[in-house]
Amino acid sequence: MTRRTADQADFAGPDADREAIERLARAAQLANEGRQGGQNGGQHGGGVPDEVLQRNTRLIEAAQAELDEVMGEAAKLRGVLGNRKKVAKSDGCDVDAIVQALRLKKQAGNGGSEPIVTRHRMVGRILGLLGHPLGTQFNLFGNDGAASDGASSEGIRH
């Protein structure tokens, strides 16, 4: 007999497996009865009064209907937006640039343009430190030829 079997034999009777299965079956039966209203509240479903259940059901139903309506409208508007982007692209426009510009415009309207300008300048500075040609473009990032630590952009290229 293995060590584990011997240990189990010390605590369990000869029909331990059958007894365990019966306990599990009884627990499952009690749980099912509780869910069907046997133990926890009868026909009220867990002790919740019918009026409360009806009120919450109506509120959830109304909110779900409103959400479904809005989602349908959003889907239509996504289609309109997609069509307008296709037209702009067929007209030769850089749609990604338009979307980015509109995002920046919205961002500036919400919090001012200072954070956008600061980030733009930092991107230019980092590109310059990396020696990337975009970082050395004249006034592309509005650095006026100097980094914030006093070094000139000419010094950064070396």
Protein backbone atom coordinates (compact mmCIF):
# COMPACT_ATOMS: atom_id res chain seq x y z
CA MET A 1 0.00 0.00 0.00
CA THR A 2 1.37 3.45 -0.92
CA ARG A 3 1.95 6.12 1.69
CA ARG A 4 -1.00 8.19 0.41
CA THR A 5 -3.38 5.23 0.44
CA ALA A 6 -2.33 4.34 3.96
CA ASP A 7 -2.92 7.92 5.14
CA GLN A 8 -6.37 7.99 3.56
CA ALA A 9 -7.24 4.63 5.04
CA ASP A 10 -6.58 6.04 8.51
CA PHE A 11 -9.34 8.66 8.08
CA ALA A 12 -11.82 7.09 5.68
CA GLY A 13 -13.97 4.05 5.87
CA PRO A 14 -13.89 1.26 3.30
CA ASP A 15 -16.52 3.03 1.16
CA ALA A 16 -14.87 6.48 1.21
CA ASP A 17 -15.21 7.05 -2.54
CA ARG A 18 -18.90 6.18 -2.54
CA GLU A 19 -19.51 8.39 0.50
CA ALA A 20 -17.69 11.34 -1.13
CA ILE A 21 -19.75 10.97 -4.31
CA GLU A 22 -22.95 10.88 -2.30
CA ARG A 23 -21.96 14.04 -0.37
CA LEU A 24 -21.21 15.86 -3.65
CA ALA A 25 -24.51 14.72 -5.16
CA ARG A 26 -26.44 15.89 -2.08
CA ALA A 27 -24.65 19.30 -2.14
CA ALA A 28 -25.50 19.70 -5.84
CA GLN A 29 -29.13 18.76 -5.16
CA LEU A 30 -29.39 21.34 -2.35
CA ALA A 31 -27.81 24.01 -4.54
CA ASN A 32 -30.28 23.26 -7.35
CA GLU A 33 -33.23 23.44 -4.97
CA GLY A 34 -32.00 26.81 -3.70
CA ARG A 35 -31.76 28.17 -7.23
CA GLN A 36 -35.25 26.95 -8.05
CA GLY A 37 -36.71 28.68 -5.01
CA GLY A 38 -36.70 25.75 -2.62
CA GLN A 39 -34.64 27.19 0.23
CA ASN A 40 -33.86 30.86 -0.37
CA GLY A 41 -37.02 32.85 -0.65
CA GLY A 42 -39.49 30.63 -2.42
CA GLN A 43 -41.12 32.16 -5.49
CA HIS A 44 -39.44 35.51 -4.95
CA GLY A 45 -36.08 34.27 -6.29
CA GLY A 46 -33.69 34.63 -3.40
CA GLY A 47 -35.89 36.72 -1.12
CA VAL A 48 -36.32 39.68 -3.48
CA PRO A 49 -39.92 40.97 -3.52
CA ASP A 50 -41.72 40.85 -6.86
CA GLU A 51 -42.13 44.65 -6.93
CA VAL A 52 -38.38 45.20 -6.59
CA LEU A 53 -37.65 42.62 -9.26
CA GLN A 54 -40.22 44.16 -11.63
CA ARG A 55 -38.93 47.72 -11.04
CA ASN A 56 -35.33 46.75 -11.70
CA THR A 57 -36.30 44.69 -14.75
CA ARG A 58 -38.16 47.68 -16.26
CA LEU A 59 -35.23 50.04 -15.56
CA ILE A 60 -32.71 47.66 -17.10
CA GLU A 61 -34.97 47.05 -20.09
CA ALA A 62 -35.36 50.80 -20.70
CA ALA A 63 -31.62 51.44 -20.41
CA GLN A 64 -30.85 48.52 -22.74
CA ALA A 65 -33.35 49.80 -25.34
CA GLU A 66 -31.82 53.28 -25.16
CA LEU A 67 -28.32 51.87 -25.53
CA ASP A 68 -29.39 49.73 -28.49
CA GLU A 69 -30.85 52.81 -30.19
CA VAL A 70 -27.71 54.87 -29.62
CA MET A 71 -25.48 52.01 -30.81
CA GLY A 72 -27.54 51.78 -34.00
CA GLU A 73 -27.13 55.51 -34.58
CA ALA A 74 -23.39 55.25 -33.85
CA ALA A 75 -23.06 52.47 -36.44
CA LYS A 76 -24.77 54.67 -39.05
CA LEU A 77 -22.45 57.58 -38.23
CA ARG A 78 -19.38 55.33 -38.45
CA GLY A 79 -20.54 54.41 -41.95
CA VAL A 80 -20.94 58.08 -42.90
CA LEU A 81 -17.46 58.85 -41.51
CA GLY A 82 -15.95 55.94 -43.43
CA ASN A 83 -17.55 57.12 -46.67
CA ARG A 84 -16.30 60.68 -46.14
CA LYS A 85 -12.77 59.40 -45.55
CA LYS A 86 -12.96 57.36 -48.77
CA VAL A 87 -14.08 60.42 -50.72
CA ALA A 88 -11.28 62.52 -49.21
CA LYS A 89 -8.74 59.83 -50.10
CA SER A 90 -10.04 59.59 -53.66
CA ASP A 91 -9.73 63.40 -53.88
CA GLY A 92 -6.01 62.98 -53.08
CA CYS A 93 -6.15 64.04 -49.41
CA ASP A 94 -3.93 62.52 -46.73
CA VAL A 95 -6.73 61.23 -44.50
CA ASP A 96 -4.36 60.24 -41.68
CA ALA A 97 -3.01 63.81 -41.55
CA ILE A 98 -6.55 65.19 -41.48
CA VAL A 99 -7.52 62.86 -38.63
CA GLN A 100 -4.36 63.75 -36.69
CA ALA A 101 -4.92 67.48 -37.20
CA LEU A 102 -8.52 67.19 -36.03
CA ARG A 103 -7.42 65.20 -32.99
CA LEU A 104 -4.84 67.88 -32.11
CA LYS A 105 -7.43 70.62 -32.67
CA LYS A 106 -9.81 68.88 -30.27
CA GLN A 107 -7.02 68.29 -27.76
CA ALA A 108 -5.99 71.96 -27.91
CA GLY A 109 -9.60 73.02 -27.47
CA ASN A 110 -9.90 70.91 -24.33
CA GLY A 111 -6.63 71.80 -22.64
CA GLY A 112 -4.90 74.51 -24.62
CA SER A 113 -2.09 74.10 -27.09
CA GLU A 114 0.84 74.35 -24.66
CA PRO A 115 1.03 70.59 -23.86
CA ILE A 116 0.89 69.79 -27.57
CA VAL A 117 3.65 72.27 -28.45
CA THR A 118 5.81 71.07 -25.56
CA ARG A 119 5.48 67.45 -26.63
CA HIS A 120 6.10 68.37 -30.28
CA ARG A 121 9.31 70.16 -29.32
CA MET A 122 10.43 67.25 -27.14
CA VAL A 123 9.92 64.84 -30.04
CA GLY A 124 12.10 67.12 -32.20
CA ARG A 125 14.75 67.31 -29.50
CA ILE A 126 14.84 63.52 -29.09
CA LEU A 127 15.08 63.01 -32.86
CA GLY A 128 17.98 65.46 -32.87
CA LEU A 129 19.72 63.62 -30.04
CA LEU A 130 19.29 60.40 -31.99
CA GLY A 131 20.85 62.06 -35.02
CA HIS A 132 17.73 61.49 -37.09
CA PRO A 133 17.37 63.90 -40.04
CA LEU A 134 13.87 64.96 -38.93
CA GLY A 135 15.37 66.33 -35.72
CA THR A 136 17.65 68.64 -37.68
CA GLN A 137 15.04 70.13 -40.00
CA PHE A 138 15.01 73.90 -39.80
CA ASN A 139 12.27 75.03 -37.42
CA LEU A 140 10.15 71.92 -38.04
CA PHE A 141 9.76 71.40 -34.32
CA GLY A 142 9.99 75.05 -33.25
CA ASN A 143 13.17 74.58 -31.24
CA ASP A 144 14.71 77.85 -32.51
CA GLY A 145 18.03 76.05 -32.83
CA ALA A 146 18.49 75.41 -29.08
CA ALA A 147 17.65 72.55 -26.76
CA SER A 148 16.32 73.21 -23.29
CA ASP A 149 19.68 72.40 -21.67
CA GLY A 150 21.35 75.26 -23.54
CA ALA A 151 23.03 73.17 -26.23
CA SER A 152 22.39 74.21 -29.80
CA SER A 153 20.88 71.83 -32.30
CA GLU A 154 24.19 72.06 -34.16
CA GLY A 155 25.91 70.66 -31.09
CA ILE A 156 23.42 67.84 -30.86
CA ARG A 157 24.24 66.59 -34.37
CA HIS A 158 27.88 65.88 -33.50
